[in-house]
Protein backbone atom coordinates (compact mmCIF):
# COMPACT_ATOMS: atom_id res chain seq x y z
CA MET A 1 58.46 73.26 -66.22
CA ALA A 2 59.52 71.11 -69.14
CA PHE A 3 63.23 70.90 -69.81
CA PRO A 4 64.49 72.41 -73.08
CA ALA A 5 63.78 70.23 -76.08
CA ALA A 6 67.25 70.97 -77.41
CA LEU A 7 68.83 68.79 -74.75
CA SER A 8 69.69 65.31 -75.93
CA ILE A 9 71.43 62.84 -73.66
CA ALA A 10 73.97 60.50 -75.20
CA SER A 11 73.35 56.80 -74.93
CA LEU A 12 75.39 54.80 -72.46
CA SER A 13 77.05 52.78 -75.21
CA SER A 14 78.21 55.90 -77.03
CA ILE A 15 79.93 57.54 -74.07
CA SER A 16 80.84 54.77 -71.65
CA SER A 17 84.51 55.30 -72.37
CA HIS A 18 84.37 59.05 -71.82
CA PRO A 19 86.03 60.43 -68.68
CA HIS A 20 82.68 61.93 -67.60
CA SER A 21 80.59 58.84 -68.35
CA HIS A 22 79.85 58.41 -64.62
CA LEU A 23 77.73 61.56 -64.81
CA LEU A 24 74.69 59.87 -66.33
CA PRO A 25 70.99 59.86 -65.48
CA SER A 26 70.35 57.51 -62.59
CA HIS A 27 68.50 54.98 -64.73
CA GLN A 28 71.58 54.66 -66.94
CA ILE A 29 74.17 54.32 -64.18
CA ASN A 30 76.57 51.52 -64.99
CA CYS A 31 77.38 50.18 -61.54
CA SER A 32 80.59 48.29 -60.98
CA PHE A 33 81.92 47.15 -57.63
CA SER A 34 85.25 46.17 -56.17
CA PRO A 35 86.16 44.62 -52.81
CA SER A 36 87.62 47.93 -51.70
CA PRO A 37 85.30 50.46 -50.06
CA CYS A 38 87.33 53.27 -51.59
CA ILE A 39 85.16 55.31 -53.95
CA TYR A 40 87.73 56.00 -56.63
CA SER A 41 89.40 53.05 -58.28
CA ASN A 42 92.63 54.99 -58.79
CA HIS A 43 93.03 55.61 -55.05
CA THR A 44 94.75 53.31 -52.60
CA SER A 45 92.39 51.23 -50.48
CA HIS A 46 91.67 52.48 -46.99
CA SER A 47 90.36 50.85 -43.85
CA LYS A 48 87.54 53.41 -43.75
CA PRO A 49 85.00 54.24 -46.44
CA TYR A 50 86.22 57.82 -46.72
CA ARG A 51 89.42 59.81 -46.45
CA ARG A 52 89.72 62.12 -43.44
CA LEU A 53 90.57 65.37 -45.17
CA THR A 54 90.35 68.98 -44.21
CA PRO A 55 87.49 71.06 -45.64
CA CYS A 56 88.17 73.65 -48.30
CA SER A 57 86.27 76.22 -50.31
CA GLN A 58 83.15 75.43 -52.31
CA HIS A 59 85.15 75.71 -55.51
CA CYS A 60 87.86 73.18 -54.73
CA CYS A 61 88.10 69.74 -56.26
CA PHE A 62 85.58 67.37 -54.72
CA ARG A 63 88.10 64.55 -54.58
CA VAL A 64 90.10 66.40 -51.96
CA SER A 65 87.21 67.84 -49.98
CA TYR A 66 85.41 64.60 -49.30
CA ARG A 67 85.81 63.90 -45.58
CA PHE A 68 85.11 66.37 -42.83
CA SER A 69 88.00 67.86 -40.85
CA ALA A 70 89.38 65.99 -37.86
CA ALA A 71 89.99 69.36 -36.29
CA ALA A 72 86.35 70.41 -36.31
CA GLU A 73 85.13 71.78 -33.02
CA GLY A 74 83.60 69.14 -30.79
CA GLU A 75 84.43 66.26 -33.11
CA ASP A 76 85.90 64.10 -30.35
CA GLU A 77 82.58 64.21 -28.52
CA ASP A 78 80.69 63.62 -31.75
CA ASN A 79 82.87 60.62 -32.60
CA GLU A 80 82.27 59.08 -29.19
CA GLU A 81 78.53 59.57 -29.62
CA ALA A 82 78.64 58.11 -33.13
CA GLU A 83 80.54 55.03 -31.94
CA ASP A 84 77.70 54.28 -29.53
CA GLY A 85 75.01 55.18 -32.05
CA SER A 86 72.45 52.84 -33.53
CA PHE A 87 71.05 52.45 -37.02
CA ASP A 88 67.72 53.83 -35.81
CA GLU A 89 69.47 56.99 -34.63
CA ALA A 90 71.25 57.30 -37.98
CA VAL A 91 67.87 57.07 -39.74
CA VAL A 92 66.48 59.89 -37.58
CA LEU A 93 69.52 62.02 -38.42
CA PHE A 94 69.08 61.35 -42.14
CA ASN A 95 65.38 62.17 -42.08
CA THR A 96 65.96 65.38 -40.11
CA ARG A 97 68.64 66.37 -42.64
CA ASP A 98 71.57 66.25 -40.23
CA TYR A 99 73.62 64.58 -42.94
CA TYR A 100 76.95 65.51 -41.37
CA LYS A 101 76.24 63.67 -38.12
CA CYS A 102 74.39 60.87 -39.94
CA HIS A 103 77.60 60.18 -41.87
CA ASP A 104 79.54 59.65 -38.63
CA PHE A 105 76.94 57.30 -37.18
CA LEU A 106 76.78 55.25 -40.37
CA GLU A 107 80.57 55.14 -40.67
CA SER A 108 80.79 53.67 -37.17
CA LEU A 109 78.23 51.02 -38.11
CA TRP A 110 80.04 50.36 -41.40
CA ASN A 111 83.30 49.67 -39.56
CA ASN A 112 81.75 46.74 -37.71
CA ALA A 113 79.36 45.43 -40.36
CA GLU A 114 79.65 42.32 -42.50
CA GLU A 115 78.42 41.79 -46.03
CA PRO A 116 75.84 42.26 -47.41
CA THR A 117 74.80 44.74 -44.70
CA ARG A 118 78.14 46.50 -45.06
CA THR A 119 77.37 47.42 -48.68
CA LEU A 120 73.90 48.66 -47.76
CA ILE A 121 75.21 50.90 -44.96
CA HIS A 122 77.92 52.23 -47.26
CA GLY A 123 75.31 53.09 -49.88
CA ILE A 124 73.11 54.99 -47.41
CA LEU A 125 76.20 56.74 -46.05
CA GLN A 126 77.16 57.96 -49.52
CA CYS A 127 73.63 59.27 -50.06
CA ALA A 128 73.93 61.25 -46.81
CA VAL A 129 77.23 62.71 -48.00
CA GLY A 130 75.64 63.48 -51.37
CA PHE A 131 72.88 65.56 -49.83
CA HIS A 132 75.35 67.30 -47.52
CA HIS A 133 77.21 68.39 -50.66
CA LEU A 134 74.04 69.33 -52.54
CA PHE A 135 72.89 71.78 -49.88
CA ASN A 136 76.40 73.20 -49.57
CA GLN A 137 76.54 74.07 -53.29
CA ASN A 138 78.89 71.23 -54.30
CA HIS A 139 76.61 69.88 -57.02
CA LYS A 140 79.22 67.76 -58.76
CA GLY A 141 80.13 66.08 -55.48
CA ALA A 142 76.45 65.49 -54.76
CA MET A 143 75.88 63.76 -58.09
CA MET A 144 78.95 61.57 -57.73
CA GLU A 145 78.11 60.43 -54.21
CA LEU A 146 74.41 59.87 -54.87
CA GLY A 147 75.36 57.88 -57.96
CA GLU A 148 77.80 55.70 -56.01
CA GLY A 149 75.28 55.24 -53.23
CA LEU A 150 72.55 54.30 -55.67
CA CYS A 151 74.80 51.69 -57.25
CA LYS A 152 75.30 50.03 -53.89
CA LEU A 153 71.59 50.10 -53.13
CA ARG A 154 70.85 48.48 -56.49
CA LYS A 155 73.46 45.83 -55.80
CA MET A 156 71.25 44.64 -52.94
CA ASN A 157 68.49 43.74 -55.45
CA PHE A 158 65.62 44.91 -53.29
CA LYS A 159 62.19 44.25 -54.79
CA SER A 160 60.03 45.78 -52.05
CA GLY A 161 60.20 47.22 -48.57
CA PRO A 162 61.66 50.40 -47.08
CA PHE A 163 65.12 50.06 -48.62
CA TYR A 164 63.59 49.55 -52.07
CA GLN A 165 61.46 52.67 -51.59
CA PHE A 166 64.56 54.58 -50.49
CA GLU A 167 66.41 53.39 -53.59
CA GLN A 168 63.56 54.61 -55.80
CA GLU A 169 63.53 58.02 -54.14
CA ILE A 170 67.31 58.36 -54.46
CA SER A 171 67.03 57.43 -58.13
CA ALA A 172 64.36 60.09 -58.72
CA ALA A 173 66.36 62.75 -56.86
CA LEU A 174 69.54 61.98 -58.77
CA ASP A 175 67.68 62.07 -62.08
CA PHE A 176 66.21 65.45 -61.10
CA ILE A 177 69.60 66.89 -60.19
CA TYR A 178 71.14 65.57 -63.40
CA GLN A 179 68.41 67.04 -65.59
CA THR A 180 68.49 70.44 -63.87
CA GLN A 181 72.26 70.52 -64.09
CA ILE A 182 72.04 69.85 -67.84
CA GLU A 183 69.57 72.71 -68.19
CA LEU A 184 71.88 75.02 -66.29
CA ALA A 185 74.96 73.97 -68.27
CA ALA A 186 73.27 74.13 -71.68
CA CYS A 187 71.13 77.25 -71.49
CA THR A 188 72.07 80.76 -70.44
CA GLU A 189 70.44 84.09 -71.18
CA ASP A 190 72.34 84.34 -74.47
CA LEU A 191 73.03 80.76 -75.53
CA CYS A 192 71.45 77.35 -75.76
CA VAL A 193 73.66 74.39 -76.64
CA THR A 194 72.60 70.87 -77.54
CA MET A 195 73.97 68.50 -74.90
CA ASP A 196 75.39 65.46 -76.66
CA GLN A 197 78.59 63.44 -76.44
CA SER A 198 80.76 66.23 -77.81
CA GLU A 199 83.74 67.59 -75.91
CA ARG A 200 82.00 70.97 -75.68
CA SER A 201 79.04 69.37 -73.92
CA TYR A 202 81.25 67.76 -71.32
CA GLN A 203 83.12 71.00 -70.72
CA LEU A 204 79.83 72.78 -70.05
CA LEU A 205 78.44 70.00 -67.88
CA GLY A 206 81.60 69.94 -65.78
CA GLY A 207 80.96 73.42 -64.37
CA TYR A 208 78.05 72.45 -62.13
CA ALA A 209 77.57 76.03 -60.86
CA ALA A 210 79.83 75.34 -57.90
CA GLY A 211 79.14 77.69 -55.03
CA GLN A 212 75.77 78.88 -56.39
CA LEU A 213 72.58 78.31 -54.45
CA LEU A 214 70.47 76.29 -56.89
CA TYR A 215 68.50 73.91 -54.69
CA THR A 216 66.24 74.87 -51.81
CA LEU A 217 63.79 72.94 -49.63
CA GLN A 218 60.05 73.45 -49.65
CA SER A 219 57.39 71.76 -47.55
CA ASP A 220 53.86 70.99 -48.75
CA PRO A 221 50.71 71.07 -46.56
CA ASN A 222 51.33 67.44 -45.60
CA GLU A 223 54.83 68.35 -44.39
CA THR A 224 56.45 66.40 -47.21
CA MET A 225 59.75 68.02 -48.08
CA TYR A 226 60.76 68.74 -51.68
CA ILE A 227 64.01 69.74 -53.35
CA VAL A 228 63.22 72.77 -55.53
CA PHE A 229 65.41 73.93 -58.41
CA SER A 230 65.75 77.67 -57.84
CA PRO A 231 68.36 79.22 -60.13
CA HIS A 232 68.49 82.94 -60.72
CA ARG A 233 66.04 82.92 -63.59
CA SER A 234 62.29 83.24 -63.94
CA TYR A 235 59.82 80.45 -64.74
CA ASP A 236 56.44 80.73 -66.42
CA SER A 237 55.14 78.14 -63.96
CA GLU A 238 56.23 76.55 -60.72
CA PRO A 239 59.93 75.64 -60.64
CA PRO A 240 60.69 71.92 -60.95
CA LYS A 241 60.93 69.92 -57.76
CA VAL A 242 61.32 66.36 -56.48
CA LYS A 243 60.60 64.71 -53.15
CA LEU A 244 63.52 64.80 -50.74
CA PRO A 245 64.30 61.12 -50.03
CA THR A 246 63.59 59.78 -46.58
CA LEU A 247 64.45 56.40 -45.10
CA ASN A 248 61.66 54.53 -43.34
CA ALA A 249 63.69 51.54 -42.17
CA THR A 250 64.58 50.25 -38.71
CA ALA A 251 67.37 48.17 -37.24
CA GLU A 252 65.14 45.13 -37.69
CA HIS A 253 65.00 45.75 -41.45
CA LEU A 254 68.80 46.05 -41.46
CA VAL A 255 69.25 42.75 -39.61
CA ALA A 256 66.87 41.04 -42.04
CA CYS A 257 69.14 42.05 -44.92
CA GLN A 258 71.92 39.93 -43.45
CA TYR A 259 69.91 36.85 -44.38
CA LYS A 260 68.98 37.87 -47.93
């Protein structure tokens, strides 16, 4: 399905100073990096890439629902397993969509990594968190984390290989989510609004249908998994979809990045 022609996306130069300018299509992401692994520049730096915070409802602010609860059942055992985990195991967890556990494995690797591998692991970790949020109806959180993760992947300047392919798939998925979120924000049964750099546009785009099931998974005959946009509305044709990113890298590929 083609997206509504009424939707026009503001150029990066026209909205870069806007408080929501980080919510841009993936090909327009303006990546900036700091020595701190903390995601938000207005937060104090931490020794870990993410805050350990308690979970809350689907509708709460993403900035305070980022890290999984330390009180979760069985977390002590999971943490011990993650500390002994390998990159290859983390890849299997990512590709089998166990993003929660994948995060813990990658965080353990991140703690002991050195640059530039540290940045790469952090980027993959944020992508795992992004998909965890996406399939738990936190679409804003998903876009923010996938965007941050993509920035770190692009910082590595891959030109080929499995990490480059992963970067391309993350970029396509983020673009897909952004475009479908714009469609949802701009068009309802009774109203269609042009999405530009106006305040009204940003107010609409900030809703993100939190708590609504919009994205489902669908497998094709070749067992390739797709993210399908499935809002509560009818389509004249097949609903839009994009390949669910997978990572086809090994520990050897990770070690090779240390000598880039």
